[in-house]
């Protein structure tokens, strides 16, 4: 095994152990044993477990940041940007669960890049820039762009942490529901959100037809109630002209 191959092996093993036990719960002996090498080999490549941990964190940090940033910049429409970013995070979690578990832990002082919070801050900066442009286009006050950026990123990030363990429903469905809330708000939630625009259009058409039928049904019910009330009123009016008391005998 070449030096480069050995280094990659140690990184893979370290990622798995750190994800399971954390930095403090993992020893150099365990890393070396899992790799089938002696402790000095680990020190030679990384200077110790802290150095190995720092490289693992930096790699995962850059990988996830790159995926989300690329997703944000790959779409034109703002809803598509949000959809692709949410899906990129969930795809990363699905493909690299160990890396994500390491990122969401409190970072250790030996790491170069920092914690999950700093990663989210980087992503929020990208989102803030995009939102500021959109706010300007619609004459909104762009000073609130940072607030909205933090809110959006925080919502997606926390959902990702929850989904890491439950893994239900499927990532596309999770992304669709997250975007549904972020895009439409609670007052305008789509009953069956989807990442497919064609499916959303079909569902909107169905909803409009259901609304039309409901409106027509309500209108008929009102007409029926009005007719019934009118008949009752007519009967009452006619009854007023009838004297129910018997006529006296002559």
C-alpha atoms as a PDB file:
ATOM      1  CA  UNK A   1       0.000   0.000   0.000  1.00  0.00           C
ATOM      2  CA  UNK A   2       1.397   3.403  -0.994  1.00  0.00           C
ATOM      3  CA  UNK A   3       1.640   6.294   1.447  1.00  0.00           C
ATOM      4  CA  UNK A   4      -1.336   8.004  -0.241  1.00  0.00           C
ATOM      5  CA  UNK A   5      -3.430   4.849  -0.061  1.00  0.00           C
ATOM      6  CA  UNK A   6      -2.531   4.369   3.602  1.00  0.00           C
ATOM      7  CA  UNK A   7      -3.511   7.960   4.355  1.00  0.00           C
ATOM      8  CA  UNK A   8      -6.912   7.484   2.699  1.00  0.00           C
ATOM      9  CA  UNK A   9      -7.396   4.240   4.600  1.00  0.00           C
ATOM     10  CA  UNK A  10      -6.733   5.970   7.905  1.00  0.00           C
ATOM     11  CA  UNK A  11      -9.122   8.759   6.978  1.00  0.00           C
ATOM     12  CA  UNK A  12     -11.898   6.265   6.178  1.00  0.00           C
ATOM     13  CA  UNK A  13     -11.345   4.374   9.411  1.00  0.00           C
ATOM     14  CA  UNK A  14     -11.067   7.549  11.428  1.00  0.00           C
ATOM     15  CA  UNK A  15     -14.321   8.888   9.947  1.00  0.00           C
ATOM     16  CA  UNK A  16     -16.182   5.756  10.987  1.00  0.00           C
ATOM     17  CA  UNK A  17     -14.764   5.690  14.521  1.00  0.00           C
ATOM     18  CA  UNK A  18     -15.193   9.423  15.116  1.00  0.00           C
ATOM     19  CA  UNK A  19     -18.800   9.265  13.918  1.00  0.00           C
ATOM     20  CA  UNK A  20     -19.525   6.457  16.359  1.00  0.00           C
ATOM     21  CA  UNK A  21     -17.546   7.586  19.394  1.00  0.00           C
ATOM     22  CA  UNK A  22     -16.437  11.163  18.855  1.00  0.00           C
ATOM     23  CA  UNK A  23     -12.901  12.499  19.108  1.00  0.00           C
ATOM     24  CA  UNK A  24     -12.514  12.037  22.845  1.00  0.00           C
ATOM     25  CA  UNK A  25     -13.954   8.531  22.728  1.00  0.00           C
ATOM     26  CA  UNK A  26     -11.537   7.332  20.041  1.00  0.00           C
ATOM     27  CA  UNK A  27      -7.914   6.403  20.687  1.00  0.00           C
ATOM     28  CA  UNK A  28      -4.900   6.200  18.389  1.00  0.00           C
ATOM     29  CA  UNK A  29      -4.605   2.537  19.363  1.00  0.00           C
ATOM     30  CA  UNK A  30      -8.108   1.821  18.048  1.00  0.00           C
ATOM     31  CA  UNK A  31      -7.406   3.633  14.784  1.00  0.00           C
ATOM     32  CA  UNK A  32      -4.127   1.805  14.269  1.00  0.00           C
ATOM     33  CA  UNK A  33      -5.647  -1.561  15.169  1.00  0.00           C
ATOM     34  CA  UNK A  34      -8.549  -1.113  12.738  1.00  0.00           C
ATOM     35  CA  UNK A  35      -6.078  -0.207   9.989  1.00  0.00           C
ATOM     36  CA  UNK A  36      -3.741  -3.060  10.837  1.00  0.00           C
ATOM     37  CA  UNK A  37      -0.795  -0.762  11.429  1.00  0.00           C
ATOM     38  CA  UNK A  38       1.227   0.440  14.386  1.00  0.00           C
ATOM     39  CA  UNK A  39       0.572   3.685  16.252  1.00  0.00           C
ATOM     40  CA  UNK A  40       3.660   5.416  14.795  1.00  0.00           C
ATOM     41  CA  UNK A  41       2.098   5.131  11.313  1.00  0.00           C
ATOM     42  CA  UNK A  42      -0.869   7.205  12.460  1.00  0.00           C
ATOM     43  CA  UNK A  43       1.461   9.785  14.012  1.00  0.00           C
ATOM     44  CA  UNK A  44       3.568   9.828  10.856  1.00  0.00           C
ATOM     45  CA  UNK A  45       0.632  10.769   8.645  1.00  0.00           C
ATOM     46  CA  UNK A  46      -1.388  13.026  10.928  1.00  0.00           C
ATOM     47  CA  UNK A  47       0.606  13.768  14.068  1.00  0.00           C
ATOM     48  CA  UNK A  48      -2.064  12.115  16.215  1.00  0.00           C
ATOM     49  CA  UNK A  49      -5.807  11.613  16.355  1.00  0.00           C
ATOM     50  CA  UNK A  50      -6.466  15.367  16.542  1.00  0.00           C
ATOM     51  CA  UNK A  51      -4.728  15.880  13.204  1.00  0.00           C
ATOM     52  CA  UNK A  52      -6.674  13.028  11.643  1.00  0.00           C
ATOM     53  CA  UNK A  53      -9.936  14.388  13.042  1.00  0.00           C
ATOM     54  CA  UNK A  54      -9.173  17.865  11.673  1.00  0.00           C
ATOM     55  CA  UNK A  55      -8.641  16.535   8.162  1.00  0.00           C
ATOM     56  CA  UNK A  56     -11.840  14.474   8.330  1.00  0.00           C
ATOM     57  CA  UNK A  57     -13.871  17.494   9.472  1.00  0.00           C
ATOM     58  CA  UNK A  58     -12.321  19.784   6.864  1.00  0.00           C
ATOM     59  CA  UNK A  59     -13.095  17.324   4.078  1.00  0.00           C
ATOM     60  CA  UNK A  60     -16.702  16.851   5.110  1.00  0.00           C
ATOM     61  CA  UNK A  61     -17.136  20.577   5.634  1.00  0.00           C
ATOM     62  CA  UNK A  62     -15.874  21.382   2.133  1.00  0.00           C
ATOM     63  CA  UNK A  63     -17.832  18.524   0.557  1.00  0.00           C
ATOM     64  CA  UNK A  64     -21.170  19.606   1.996  1.00  0.00           C
ATOM     65  CA  UNK A  65     -20.537  23.313   1.434  1.00  0.00           C
ATOM     66  CA  UNK A  66     -19.635  22.624  -2.192  1.00  0.00           C
ATOM     67  CA  UNK A  67     -22.754  20.518  -2.778  1.00  0.00           C
ATOM     68  CA  UNK A  68     -25.151  23.074  -1.309  1.00  0.00           C
ATOM     69  CA  UNK A  69     -23.442  26.062  -2.972  1.00  0.00           C
ATOM     70  CA  UNK A  70     -23.498  24.326  -6.338  1.00  0.00           C
ATOM     71  CA  UNK A  71     -27.188  23.521  -5.859  1.00  0.00           C
ATOM     72  CA  UNK A  72     -28.012  27.145  -5.036  1.00  0.00           C
ATOM     73  CA  UNK A  73     -26.190  28.371  -8.134  1.00  0.00           C
ATOM     74  CA  UNK A  74     -27.435  25.697 -10.537  1.00  0.00           C
ATOM     75  CA  UNK A  75     -31.050  26.867 -10.711  1.00  0.00           C
ATOM     76  CA  UNK A  76     -32.577  30.124 -11.952  1.00  0.00           C
ATOM     77  CA  UNK A  77     -35.957  30.164 -10.226  1.00  0.00           C
ATOM     78  CA  UNK A  78     -35.814  30.801  -6.492  1.00  0.00           C
ATOM     79  CA  UNK A  79     -38.077  27.918  -5.598  1.00  0.00           C
ATOM     80  CA  UNK A  80     -35.809  25.613  -7.601  1.00  0.00           C
ATOM     81  CA  UNK A  81     -32.774  26.952  -5.748  1.00  0.00           C
ATOM     82  CA  UNK A  82     -34.376  26.106  -2.420  1.00  0.00           C
ATOM     83  CA  UNK A  83     -35.465  22.674  -3.650  1.00  0.00           C
ATOM     84  CA  UNK A  84     -32.031  21.779  -4.966  1.00  0.00           C
ATOM     85  CA  UNK A  85     -30.262  23.010  -1.822  1.00  0.00           C
ATOM     86  CA  UNK A  86     -32.557  21.041   0.501  1.00  0.00           C
ATOM     87  CA  UNK A  87     -32.174  17.950  -1.659  1.00  0.00           C
ATOM     88  CA  UNK A  88     -28.369  18.358  -1.765  1.00  0.00           C
ATOM     89  CA  UNK A  89     -28.196  18.333   2.035  1.00  0.00           C
ATOM     90  CA  UNK A  90     -30.403  15.247   2.274  1.00  0.00           C
ATOM     91  CA  UNK A  91     -28.415  13.465  -0.443  1.00  0.00           C
ATOM     92  CA  UNK A  92     -25.204  14.212   1.437  1.00  0.00           C
ATOM     93  CA  UNK A  93     -26.707  12.838   4.668  1.00  0.00           C
ATOM     94  CA  UNK A  94     -27.823   9.690   2.870  1.00  0.00           C
ATOM     95  CA  UNK A  95     -24.481   9.122   1.145  1.00  0.00           C
ATOM     96  CA  UNK A  96     -22.206  10.256   3.983  1.00  0.00           C
ATOM     97  CA  UNK A  97     -24.002   9.673   7.307  1.00  0.00           C
ATOM     98  CA  UNK A  98     -20.740   9.295   9.217  1.00  0.00           C
ATOM     99  CA  UNK A  99     -19.450  12.588   7.868  1.00  0.00           C
ATOM    100  CA  UNK A 100     -22.657  14.361   8.814  1.00  0.00           C
ATOM    101  CA  UNK A 101     -22.633  12.894  12.331  1.00  0.00           C
ATOM    102  CA  UNK A 102     -19.135  14.272  12.795  1.00  0.00           C
ATOM    103  CA  UNK A 103     -20.121  17.714  11.502  1.00  0.00           C
ATOM    104  CA  UNK A 104     -23.136  18.094  13.765  1.00  0.00           C
ATOM    105  CA  UNK A 105     -21.088  17.308  16.870  1.00  0.00           C
ATOM    106  CA  UNK A 106     -19.475  20.191  18.698  1.00  0.00           C
ATOM    107  CA  UNK A 107     -16.174  20.759  16.957  1.00  0.00           C
ATOM    108  CA  UNK A 108     -12.921  20.175  18.745  1.00  0.00           C
ATOM    109  CA  UNK A 109     -10.276  22.843  19.101  1.00  0.00           C
ATOM    110  CA  UNK A 110      -7.948  20.864  16.863  1.00  0.00           C
ATOM    111  CA  UNK A 111     -10.154  21.223  13.787  1.00  0.00           C
ATOM    112  CA  UNK A 112      -9.170  23.821  11.252  1.00  0.00           C
ATOM    113  CA  UNK A 113     -12.505  24.746   9.729  1.00  0.00           C
ATOM    114  CA  UNK A 114     -14.820  24.713  12.708  1.00  0.00           C
ATOM    115  CA  UNK A 115     -18.205  23.383  13.620  1.00  0.00           C
ATOM    116  CA  UNK A 116     -21.478  22.648  11.937  1.00  0.00           C
ATOM    117  CA  UNK A 117     -22.582  26.098  13.043  1.00  0.00           C
ATOM    118  CA  UNK A 118     -19.783  27.704  11.032  1.00  0.00           C
ATOM    119  CA  UNK A 119     -20.738  25.581   8.032  1.00  0.00           C
ATOM    120  CA  UNK A 120     -24.332  26.770   8.289  1.00  0.00           C
ATOM    121  CA  UNK A 121     -23.074  30.318   8.583  1.00  0.00           C
ATOM    122  CA  UNK A 122     -21.184  29.904   5.306  1.00  0.00           C
ATOM    123  CA  UNK A 123     -24.282  28.525   3.591  1.00  0.00           C
ATOM    124  CA  UNK A 124     -26.460  31.269   5.085  1.00  0.00           C
ATOM    125  CA  UNK A 125     -24.079  33.806   3.559  1.00  0.00           C
ATOM    126  CA  UNK A 126     -24.740  32.341   0.112  1.00  0.00           C
ATOM    127  CA  UNK A 127     -28.498  32.355   0.716  1.00  0.00           C
ATOM    128  CA  UNK A 128     -28.385  35.912   2.059  1.00  0.00           C
ATOM    129  CA  UNK A 129     -26.752  37.137  -1.142  1.00  0.00           C
ATOM    130  CA  UNK A 130     -29.440  35.452  -3.253  1.00  0.00           C
ATOM    131  CA  UNK A 131     -32.282  36.760  -1.066  1.00  0.00           C
ATOM    132  CA  UNK A 132     -30.898  40.296  -1.091  1.00  0.00           C
ATOM    133  CA  UNK A 133     -31.068  40.294  -4.894  1.00  0.00           C
ATOM    134  CA  UNK A 134     -34.642  39.020  -4.816  1.00  0.00           C
ATOM    135  CA  UNK A 135     -35.650  41.564  -2.165  1.00  0.00           C
ATOM    136  CA  UNK A 136     -34.251  44.401  -4.259  1.00  0.00           C
ATOM    137  CA  UNK A 137     -36.175  43.151  -7.282  1.00  0.00           C
ATOM    138  CA  UNK A 138     -39.457  43.294  -5.357  1.00  0.00           C
ATOM    139  CA  UNK A 139     -38.667  46.512  -3.468  1.00  0.00           C
ATOM    140  CA  UNK A 140     -38.453  44.735  -0.101  1.00  0.00           C
ATOM    141  CA  UNK A 141     -36.118  45.987   2.591  1.00  0.00           C
ATOM    142  CA  UNK A 142     -32.940  43.947   2.019  1.00  0.00           C
ATOM    143  CA  UNK A 143     -31.727  44.589   5.563  1.00  0.00           C
ATOM    144  CA  UNK A 144     -33.928  41.627   6.544  1.00  0.00           C
ATOM    145  CA  UNK A 145     -32.206  39.279   4.086  1.00  0.00           C
ATOM    146  CA  UNK A 146     -29.825  37.928   6.795  1.00  0.00           C
ATOM    147  CA  UNK A 147     -32.782  37.118   9.062  1.00  0.00           C
ATOM    148  CA  UNK A 148     -34.604  35.217   6.331  1.00  0.00           C
ATOM    149  CA  UNK A 149     -31.397  33.459   5.272  1.00  0.00           C
ATOM    150  CA  UNK A 150     -30.741  32.213   8.795  1.00  0.00           C
ATOM    151  CA  UNK A 151     -34.359  31.096   9.139  1.00  0.00           C
ATOM    152  CA  UNK A 152     -34.338  29.114   5.904  1.00  0.00           C
ATOM    153  CA  UNK A 153     -30.968  27.484   6.492  1.00  0.00           C
ATOM    154  CA  UNK A 154     -31.825  26.687  10.098  1.00  0.00           C
ATOM    155  CA  UNK A 155     -35.096  25.031   9.104  1.00  0.00           C
ATOM    156  CA  UNK A 156     -33.440  22.823   6.486  1.00  0.00           C
ATOM    157  CA  UNK A 157     -30.457  22.002   8.714  1.00  0.00           C
ATOM    158  CA  UNK A 158     -32.530  20.933  11.709  1.00  0.00           C
ATOM    159  CA  UNK A 159     -34.762  18.855   9.475  1.00  0.00           C
ATOM    160  CA  UNK A 160     -31.640  17.161   8.136  1.00  0.00           C
ATOM    161  CA  UNK A 161     -30.459  16.311  11.647  1.00  0.00           C
ATOM    162  CA  UNK A 162     -33.856  14.788  12.437  1.00  0.00           C
ATOM    163  CA  UNK A 163     -33.935  12.837   9.171  1.00  0.00           C
ATOM    164  CA  UNK A 164     -30.431  11.427   9.769  1.00  0.00           C
ATOM    165  CA  UNK A 165     -31.905   8.967  12.270  1.00  0.00           C
ATOM    166  CA  UNK A 166     -35.483   8.425  11.101  1.00  0.00           C
ATOM    167  CA  UNK A 167     -34.864   8.226   7.317  1.00  0.00           C
ATOM    168  CA  UNK A 168     -38.588   8.425   6.621  1.00  0.00           C
ATOM    169  CA  UNK A 169     -40.119   9.596   4.389  1.00  0.00           C
ATOM    170  CA  UNK A 170     -37.803   9.490   1.343  1.00  0.00           C
ATOM    171  CA  UNK A 171     -35.455  12.417   0.828  1.00  0.00           C
ATOM    172  CA  UNK A 172     -37.411  13.820  -2.152  1.00  0.00           C
ATOM    173  CA  UNK A 173     -40.585  13.873  -0.107  1.00  0.00           C
ATOM    174  CA  UNK A 174     -38.828  15.498   2.853  1.00  0.00           C
ATOM    175  CA  UNK A 175     -37.355  18.183   0.574  1.00  0.00           C
ATOM    176  CA  UNK A 176     -40.775  18.803  -0.996  1.00  0.00           C
ATOM    177  CA  UNK A 177     -42.422  19.336   2.405  1.00  0.00           C
ATOM    178  CA  UNK A 178     -39.615  21.609   3.656  1.00  0.00           C
ATOM    179  CA  UNK A 179     -39.891  23.757   0.550  1.00  0.00           C
ATOM    180  CA  UNK A 180     -43.671  23.710   0.838  1.00  0.00           C
ATOM    181  CA  UNK A 181     -43.449  25.346   4.255  1.00  0.00           C
ATOM    182  CA  UNK A 182     -40.651  27.736   3.300  1.00  0.00           C
ATOM    183  CA  UNK A 183     -42.224  28.813   0.012  1.00  0.00           C
ATOM    184  CA  UNK A 184     -45.945  28.849   0.815  1.00  0.00           C
ATOM    185  CA  UNK A 185     -46.062  29.405   4.569  1.00  0.00           C
ATOM    186  CA  UNK A 186     -48.507  27.699   6.906  1.00  0.00           C
ATOM    187  CA  UNK A 187     -51.482  29.581   5.480  1.00  0.00           C
ATOM    188  CA  UNK A 188     -50.867  28.411   1.917  1.00  0.00           C
ATOM    189  CA  UNK A 189     -49.525  24.872   2.288  1.00  0.00           C
ATOM    190  CA  UNK A 190     -49.950  22.600  -0.727  1.00  0.00           C
ATOM    191  CA  UNK A 191     -51.856  19.429   0.290  1.00  0.00           C
ATOM    192  CA  UNK A 192     -49.527  17.180  -1.718  1.00  0.00           C
ATOM    193  CA  UNK A 193     -46.193  18.969  -2.288  1.00  0.00           C
ATOM    194  CA  UNK A 194     -43.823  17.690  -4.949  1.00  0.00           C
ATOM    195  CA  UNK A 195     -40.457  18.622  -6.441  1.00  0.00           C
ATOM    196  CA  UNK A 196     -41.922  17.983  -9.900  1.00  0.00           C
ATOM    197  CA  UNK A 197     -43.456  21.198 -11.314  1.00  0.00           C
ATOM    198  CA  UNK A 198     -45.780  19.194 -13.579  1.00  0.00           C
ATOM    199  CA  UNK A 199     -47.113  17.266 -10.616  1.00  0.00           C
ATOM    200  CA  UNK A 200     -47.625  20.522  -8.712  1.00  0.00           C
ATOM    201  CA  UNK A 201     -49.590  21.968 -11.639  1.00  0.00           C
ATOM    202  CA  UNK A 202     -51.796  18.877 -11.823  1.00  0.00           C
ATOM    203  CA  UNK A 203     -52.414  19.002  -8.092  1.00  0.00           C
ATOM    204  CA  UNK A 204     -53.240  22.709  -8.343  1.00  0.00           C
ATOM    205  CA  UNK A 205     -55.731  21.991 -11.114  1.00  0.00           C
ATOM    206  CA  UNK A 206     -57.327  19.260  -8.988  1.00  0.00           C
ATOM    207  CA  UNK A 207     -57.510  21.631  -6.022  1.00  0.00           C
ATOM    208  CA  UNK A 208     -59.131  24.320  -8.170  1.00  0.00           C
ATOM    209  CA  UNK A 209     -61.728  21.828  -9.435  1.00  0.00           C
ATOM    210  CA  UNK A 210     -62.424  20.678  -5.887  1.00  0.00           C
ATOM    211  CA  UNK A 211     -62.823  24.305  -4.825  1.00  0.00           C
ATOM    212  CA  UNK A 212     -65.196  24.984  -7.736  1.00  0.00           C
ATOM    213  CA  UNK A 213     -67.315  21.951  -6.840  1.00  0.00           C
ATOM    214  CA  UNK A 214     -67.361  22.970  -3.189  1.00  0.00           C
ATOM    215  CA  UNK A 215     -68.378  26.507  -4.125  1.00  0.00           C
ATOM    216  CA  UNK A 216     -71.138  25.231  -6.425  1.00  0.00           C
ATOM    217  CA  UNK A 217     -72.381  22.873  -3.716  1.00  0.00           C
ATOM    218  CA  UNK A 218     -72.392  25.688  -1.173  1.00  0.00           C
ATOM    219  CA  UNK A 219     -74.253  27.939  -3.598  1.00  0.00           C
ATOM    220  CA  UNK A 220     -76.930  25.272  -4.172  1.00  0.00           C
ATOM    221  CA  UNK A 221     -77.266  24.760  -0.443  1.00  0.00           C
ATOM    222  CA  UNK A 222     -77.743  28.504   0.037  1.00  0.00           C
ATOM    223  CA  UNK A 223     -80.352  28.635  -2.725  1.00  0.00           C
ATOM    224  CA  UNK A 224     -82.175  25.668  -1.219  1.00  0.00           C
ATOM    225  CA  UNK A 225     -82.119  27.236   2.239  1.00  0.00           C
ATOM    226  CA  UNK A 226     -83.346  30.546   0.822  1.00  0.00           C
ATOM    227  CA  UNK A 227     -86.200  28.825  -1.041  1.00  0.00           C
ATOM    228  CA  UNK A 228     -87.173  26.932   2.082  1.00  0.00           C
ATOM    229  CA  UNK A 229     -87.153  30.133   4.120  1.00  0.00           C
ATOM    230  CA  UNK A 230     -89.257  31.840   1.459  1.00  0.00           C
ATOM    231  CA  UNK A 231     -91.859  29.045   1.507  1.00  0.00           C
ATOM    232  CA  UNK A 232     -92.014  29.175   5.296  1.00  0.00           C
ATOM    233  CA  UNK A 233     -92.472  32.944   5.180  1.00  0.00           C
ATOM    234  CA  UNK A 234     -95.276  32.574   2.620  1.00  0.00           C
ATOM    235  CA  UNK A 235     -97.084  30.006   4.767  1.00  0.00           C
ATOM    236  CA  UNK A 236     -96.789  32.235   7.810  1.00  0.00           C
ATOM    237  CA  UNK A 237     -98.179  35.186   5.856  1.00  0.00           C
ATOM    238  CA  UNK A 238    -101.115  33.155   4.585  1.00  0.00           C
ATOM    239  CA  UNK A 239    -101.878  31.887   8.095  1.00  0.00           C
ATOM    240  CA  UNK A 240    -102.310  35.450   9.310  1.00  0.00           C
ATOM    241  CA  UNK A 241    -105.436  35.827   7.113  1.00  0.00           C
ATOM    242  CA  UNK A 242    -107.162  32.751   8.563  1.00  0.00           C
ATOM    243  CA  UNK A 243    -109.237  33.228  11.758  1.00  0.00           C
ATOM    244  CA  UNK A 244    -108.933  30.000  13.702  1.00  0.00           C
ATOM    245  CA  UNK A 245    -111.585  30.980  16.377  1.00  0.00           C
ATOM    246  CA  UNK A 246    -115.154  29.622  15.901  1.00  0.00           C
ATOM    247  CA  UNK A 247    -117.892  32.069  14.825  1.00  0.00           C
ATOM    248  CA  UNK A 248    -120.579  32.807  17.529  1.00  0.00           C
ATOM    249  CA  UNK A 249    -124.074  31.384  17.040  1.00  0.00           C
ATOM    250  CA  UNK A 250    -126.886  33.808  16.137  1.00  0.00           C
END
